Amino acid sequence: MDMKMCATSDVARQWESIDWNKADRYVKNLKCVL
């Protein structure tokens, strides 16, 4: 598998589109479980 640097821009775009409220809730749930 050949990893290209241009792929990082796609990842950044995915992060920008994340619903941060859901992400925050998910992280809090993980902390409660651990």
PDB file of N, CA and C in Angstrom:
ATOM      1  N   MET A   1       0.846  -1.202   0.000  1.00  0.00           N
ATOM      2  CA  MET A   1       0.000   0.000   0.000  1.00  0.00           C
ATOM      3  C   MET A   1       0.880   1.251   0.000  1.00  0.00           C
ATOM      4  N   ASP A   2       0.597   2.150  -0.929  1.00  0.00           N
ATOM      5  CA  ASP A   2       1.411   3.350  -1.084  1.00  0.00           C
ATOM      6  C   ASP A   2       0.681   4.547  -0.479  1.00  0.00           C
ATOM      7  N   MET A   3       1.206   5.060   0.629  1.00  0.00           N
ATOM      8  CA  MET A   3       0.575   6.202   1.299  1.00  0.00           C
ATOM      9  C   MET A   3       1.031   7.507   0.659  1.00  0.00           C
ATOM     10  N   LYS A   4       0.069   8.291   0.208  1.00  0.00           N
ATOM     11  CA  LYS A   4       0.392   9.565  -0.448  1.00  0.00           C
ATOM     12  C   LYS A   4       0.101  10.724   0.508  1.00  0.00           C
ATOM     13  N   MET A   5       0.929  11.759   0.463  1.00  0.00           N
ATOM     14  CA  MET A   5       0.745  12.915   1.339  1.00  0.00           C
ATOM     15  C   MET A   5      -0.559  13.649   1.041  1.00  0.00           C
ATOM     16  N   CYS A   6      -1.011  13.598  -0.208  1.00  0.00           N
ATOM     17  CA  CYS A   6      -2.240  14.307  -0.575  1.00  0.00           C
ATOM     18  C   CYS A   6      -3.452  13.728   0.158  1.00  0.00           C
ATOM     19  N   ALA A   7      -3.327  12.507   0.668  1.00  0.00           N
ATOM     20  CA  ALA A   7      -4.427  11.876   1.390  1.00  0.00           C
ATOM     21  C   ALA A   7      -4.726  12.615   2.694  1.00  0.00           C
ATOM     22  N   THR A   8      -3.719  13.293   3.241  1.00  0.00           N
ATOM     23  CA  THR A   8      -3.913  13.995   4.512  1.00  0.00           C
ATOM     24  C   THR A   8      -4.945  15.107   4.382  1.00  0.00           C
ATOM     25  N   SER A   9      -5.030  15.715   3.196  1.00  0.00           N
ATOM     26  CA  SER A   9      -6.020  16.779   3.002  1.00  0.00           C
ATOM     27  C   SER A   9      -7.435  16.204   3.060  1.00  0.00           C
ATOM     28  N   ASP A  10      -7.605  14.975   2.567  1.00  0.00           N
ATOM     29  CA  ASP A  10      -8.909  14.311   2.647  1.00  0.00           C
ATOM     30  C   ASP A  10      -9.264  14.035   4.101  1.00  0.00           C
ATOM     31  N   VAL A  11      -8.291  13.604   4.874  1.00  0.00           N
ATOM     32  CA  VAL A  11      -8.508  13.338   6.296  1.00  0.00           C
ATOM     33  C   VAL A  11      -8.892  14.620   7.012  1.00  0.00           C
ATOM     34  N   ALA A  12      -8.186  15.712   6.693  1.00  0.00           N
ATOM     35  CA  ALA A  12      -8.482  17.000   7.312  1.00  0.00           C
ATOM     36  C   ALA A  12      -9.903  17.422   6.992  1.00  0.00           C
ATOM     37  N   ARG A  13     -10.337  17.183   5.762  1.00  0.00           N
ATOM     38  CA  ARG A  13     -11.694  17.546   5.363  1.00  0.00           C
ATOM     39  C   ARG A  13     -12.704  16.706   6.138  1.00  0.00           C
ATOM     40  N   GLN A  14     -12.390  15.432   6.373  1.00  0.00           N
ATOM     41  CA  GLN A  14     -13.288  14.574   7.156  1.00  0.00           C
ATOM     42  C   GLN A  14     -13.408  15.092   8.585  1.00  0.00           C
ATOM     43  N   TRP A  15     -12.271  15.493   9.176  1.00  0.00           N
ATOM     44  CA  TRP A  15     -12.286  16.016  10.540  1.00  0.00           C
ATOM     45  C   TRP A  15     -13.128  17.276  10.633  1.00  0.00           C
ATOM     46  N   GLU A  16     -13.034  18.131   9.589  1.00  0.00           N
ATOM     47  CA  GLU A  16     -13.805  19.378   9.595  1.00  0.00           C
ATOM     48  C   GLU A  16     -15.303  19.104   9.561  1.00  0.00           C
ATOM     49  N   SER A  17     -15.699  18.002   8.918  1.00  0.00           N
ATOM     50  CA  SER A  17     -17.122  17.702   8.759  1.00  0.00           C
ATOM     51  C   SER A  17     -17.701  16.926   9.942  1.00  0.00           C
ATOM     52  N   ILE A  18     -16.833  16.543  10.889  1.00  0.00           N
ATOM     53  CA  ILE A  18     -17.309  15.790  12.059  1.00  0.00           C
ATOM     54  C   ILE A  18     -18.237  16.656  12.914  1.00  0.00           C
ATOM     55  N   ASP A  19     -19.294  16.034  13.404  1.00  0.00           N
ATOM     56  CA  ASP A  19     -20.175  16.704  14.366  1.00  0.00           C
ATOM     57  C   ASP A  19     -19.452  16.685  15.718  1.00  0.00           C
ATOM     58  N   TRP A  20     -18.883  17.830  16.111  1.00  0.00           N
ATOM     59  CA  TRP A  20     -18.034  17.868  17.299  1.00  0.00           C
ATOM     60  C   TRP A  20     -18.815  17.619  18.583  1.00  0.00           C
ATOM     61  N   ASN A  21     -20.113  17.920  18.601  1.00  0.00           N
ATOM     62  CA  ASN A  21     -20.916  17.609  19.789  1.00  0.00           C
ATOM     63  C   ASN A  21     -20.997  16.101  19.984  1.00  0.00           C
ATOM     64  N   LYS A  22     -21.195  15.370  18.884  1.00  0.00           N
ATOM     65  CA  LYS A  22     -21.236  13.912  18.969  1.00  0.00           C
ATOM     66  C   LYS A  22     -19.879  13.365  19.371  1.00  0.00           C
ATOM     67  N   ALA A  23     -18.828  13.931  18.798  1.00  0.00           N
ATOM     68  CA  ALA A  23     -17.476  13.470  19.109  1.00  0.00           C
ATOM     69  C   ALA A  23     -17.171  13.678  20.588  1.00  0.00           C
ATOM     70  N   ASP A  24     -17.556  14.832  21.116  1.00  0.00           N
ATOM     71  CA  ASP A  24     -17.316  15.144  22.521  1.00  0.00           C
ATOM     72  C   ASP A  24     -18.071  14.173  23.422  1.00  0.00           C
ATOM     73  N   ARG A  25     -19.315  13.885  23.075  1.00  0.00           N
ATOM     74  CA  ARG A  25     -20.123  12.951  23.852  1.00  0.00           C
ATOM     75  C   ARG A  25     -19.499  11.554  23.796  1.00  0.00           C
ATOM     76  N   TYR A  26     -19.012  11.177  22.623  1.00  0.00           N
ATOM     77  CA  TYR A  26     -18.389   9.868  22.435  1.00  0.00           C
ATOM     78  C   TYR A  26     -17.148   9.725  23.316  1.00  0.00           C
ATOM     79  N   VAL A  27     -16.332  10.780  23.345  1.00  0.00           N
ATOM     80  CA  VAL A  27     -15.122  10.763  24.170  1.00  0.00           C
ATOM     81  C   VAL A  27     -15.480  10.649  25.649  1.00  0.00           C
ATOM     82  N   LYS A  28     -16.495  11.388  26.083  1.00  0.00           N
ATOM     83  CA  LYS A  28     -16.920  11.322  27.486  1.00  0.00           C
ATOM     84  C   LYS A  28     -17.420   9.920  27.828  1.00  0.00           C
ATOM     85  N   ASN A  29     -18.148   9.293  26.906  1.00  0.00           N
ATOM     86  CA  ASN A  29     -18.617   7.930  27.131  1.00  0.00           C
ATOM     87  C   ASN A  29     -17.436   6.976  27.256  1.00  0.00           C
ATOM     88  N   LEU A  30     -16.410   7.166  26.422  1.00  0.00           N
ATOM     89  CA  LEU A  30     -15.221   6.319  26.495  1.00  0.00           C
ATOM     90  C   LEU A  30     -14.540   6.465  27.846  1.00  0.00           C
ATOM     91  N   LYS A  31     -14.428   7.698  28.337  1.00  0.00           N
ATOM     92  CA  LYS A  31     -13.773   7.944  29.618  1.00  0.00           C
ATOM     93  C   LYS A  31     -14.547   7.274  30.752  1.00  0.00           C
ATOM     94  N   CYS A  32     -15.869   7.257  30.661  1.00  0.00           N
ATOM     95  CA  CYS A  32     -16.684   6.614  31.693  1.00  0.00           C
ATOM     96  C   CYS A  32     -16.454   5.101  31.681  1.00  0.00           C
ATOM     97  N   VAL A  33     -16.285   4.546  30.498  1.00  0.00           N
ATOM     98  CA  VAL A  33     -16.082   3.100  30.367  1.00  0.00           C
ATOM     99  C   VAL A  33     -14.709   2.697  30.891  1.00  0.00           C
ATOM    100  N   LEU A  34     -13.705   3.503  30.610  1.00  0.00           N
ATOM    101  CA  LEU A  34     -12.331   3.147  31.000  1.00  0.00           C
ATOM    102  C   LEU A  34     -12.095   3.297  32.495  1.00  0.00           C
TER     103      LEU A  34
END
